[in-house]
Protein backbone atom coordinates (compact mmCIF):
# COMPACT_ATOMS: atom_id res chain seq x y z
CA ASN A 1 -10.02 33.11 13.10
CA LYS A 2 -10.37 29.33 12.36
CA GLN A 3 -14.59 30.26 12.65
CA ARG A 4 -13.80 32.74 10.03
CA LYS A 5 -11.84 30.53 7.81
CA VAL A 6 -15.17 27.53 8.41
CA LEU A 7 -17.87 29.88 7.26
CA SER A 8 -15.71 31.43 4.61
CA THR A 9 -14.58 27.82 2.96
CA ARG A 10 -18.17 26.72 3.06
CA TYR A 11 -19.54 29.93 1.15
CA LEU A 12 -16.90 29.03 -1.20
CA THR A 13 -17.71 25.60 -1.27
CA GLY A 14 -22.01 25.72 -1.84
CA GLY A 15 -23.00 27.80 1.04
CA SER A 16 -25.02 29.76 -1.08
CA SER A 17 -28.12 30.64 1.52
CA LEU A 18 -25.43 30.74 4.12
CA GLY A 19 -23.90 33.94 2.37
CA VAL A 20 -27.18 35.31 1.19
CA GLU A 21 -29.04 35.22 4.72
CA THR A 22 -25.87 36.83 5.80
CA VAL A 23 -26.85 40.26 3.84
CA GLY A 24 -30.37 41.85 4.84
CA PRO A 25 -33.63 41.13 2.91
CA LYS A 26 -33.10 44.11 0.03
CA TYR A 27 -30.41 42.58 -1.48
CA ARG A 28 -30.66 38.82 -1.03
CA ALA A 29 -31.40 38.49 -4.36
CA VAL A 30 -28.17 40.30 -5.97
CA ALA A 31 -26.52 38.39 -3.20
CA GLY A 32 -27.59 35.21 -4.78
CA ILE A 33 -26.78 36.52 -8.58
CA ALA A 34 -23.66 37.21 -7.43
CA TYR A 35 -22.78 33.94 -6.38
CA GLN A 36 -23.72 31.76 -8.87
CA PHE A 37 -22.52 34.54 -11.58
CA GLY A 38 -18.71 32.84 -11.61
CA TRP A 39 -20.31 29.59 -12.14
CA ALA A 40 -22.14 30.53 -15.09
CA THR A 41 -19.15 32.98 -16.34
CA GLY A 42 -17.16 29.35 -16.17
CA TYR A 43 -20.01 27.53 -18.22
CA VAL A 44 -19.70 30.34 -20.50
CA ILE A 45 -15.83 30.33 -21.35
CA LEU A 46 -15.02 26.36 -20.94
CA PRO A 47 -16.27 25.38 -24.11
CA CYS A 48 -14.50 28.52 -25.93
CA ILE A 49 -11.71 27.58 -24.13
CA ALA A 50 -12.11 23.61 -25.08
CA TYR A 51 -13.13 25.03 -29.07
CA LEU A 52 -9.52 27.39 -28.61
CA VAL A 53 -7.51 23.85 -27.04
CA ARG A 54 -8.45 20.79 -29.13
CA ASP A 55 -5.73 19.00 -28.55
CA PHE A 56 -5.41 19.83 -24.68
CA ARG A 57 -4.18 16.29 -23.91
CA ILE A 58 -0.71 17.29 -25.18
CA LEU A 59 -0.87 20.63 -23.07
CA ILE A 60 -1.46 18.79 -19.70
CA ILE A 61 -1.04 14.99 -20.06
CA PRO A 62 2.22 13.14 -21.83
CA GLU A 63 1.59 9.36 -22.56
CA SER A 64 2.34 7.36 -20.38
CA ILE A 65 5.90 5.22 -20.40
CA ARG A 66 3.98 1.92 -20.88
CA TRP A 67 2.27 2.77 -24.20
CA GLN A 68 5.63 4.70 -25.26
CA LEU A 69 7.37 1.48 -24.98
CA THR A 70 4.85 -0.41 -26.50
CA HIS A 71 4.52 2.18 -29.93
CA GLY A 72 7.95 1.68 -30.43
CA LYS A 73 9.52 5.39 -28.98
CA GLU A 74 12.30 4.80 -26.98
CA LYS A 75 13.58 7.55 -27.06
CA GLN A 76 10.57 9.28 -25.93
CA ALA A 77 10.37 7.08 -23.33
CA ILE A 78 14.11 7.50 -21.88
CA LYS A 79 13.14 11.47 -22.04
CA SER A 80 9.77 10.86 -19.87
CA LEU A 81 11.09 8.27 -17.42
CA MET A 82 14.22 11.16 -16.75
CA ASN A 83 11.40 13.93 -16.53
CA ALA A 84 9.50 11.46 -13.65
CA MET A 85 12.82 11.00 -11.85
CA LYS A 86 13.69 14.78 -11.81
CA VAL A 87 10.33 15.54 -10.53
CA ASN A 88 10.02 12.68 -7.61
CA LYS A 89 13.98 13.42 -7.21
CA LEU A 90 15.17 10.30 -7.36
CA PRO A 91 18.50 9.08 -9.06
CA MET A 92 19.21 9.34 -12.46
CA ASP A 93 21.70 6.45 -13.58
CA GLY A 94 20.48 3.14 -14.63
CA ILE A 95 18.01 4.64 -16.98
CA ASP A 96 18.65 2.21 -19.24
CA GLU A 97 18.39 -0.64 -17.19
CA LYS A 98 15.28 0.59 -15.85
CA ILE A 99 13.81 1.09 -19.53
CA ASN A 100 14.98 -2.77 -20.27
CA ILE A 101 13.51 -3.92 -17.19
CA LEU A 102 10.14 -1.86 -18.03
CA LYS A 103 10.30 -3.58 -21.52
CA GLN A 104 10.54 -7.04 -20.30
CA ASN A 105 7.72 -6.67 -17.65
CA LEU A 106 5.32 -5.13 -21.40
CA ARG A 107 6.63 -8.33 -22.86
CA SER A 108 5.68 -11.16 -20.46
CA VAL A 109 2.21 -8.93 -20.26
CA SER A 110 1.73 -9.04 -23.90
CA ASN A 111 2.41 -13.28 -23.54
CA GLU A 112 0.23 -13.92 -20.84
CA ILE A 113 -2.37 -12.32 -22.68
CA LEU A 114 -2.19 -13.66 -25.69
CA LEU A 115 -1.99 -17.15 -23.64
CA MET A 116 -5.13 -16.58 -22.04
CA ASN A 117 -7.13 -15.47 -25.07
CA SER A 118 -6.07 -18.77 -27.39
């Protein structure tokens, strides 16, 4: 059973030659094409999806809390922090205090950068 898992994983992660050699010589070409068909299909479909979903970052990756705070989006930052705390199963108390700590840290980092550049 363990050997089957190893062989199947090897086949899925790039063992096309192993997969092709498991079939008879008559069907090797077909097996090789079938193995690569999924990759080729993905290469064709992915640009179409990217064209249709141009603003994909909004769907997948929200702005960081740090970015939100530096751009004056405090309400959104609090919402993002609450979501992060919920996902990580942390207690929700003291969010305003945590936001203030983040703001202070951002100010001190900004001041250090200004001092370094002057």
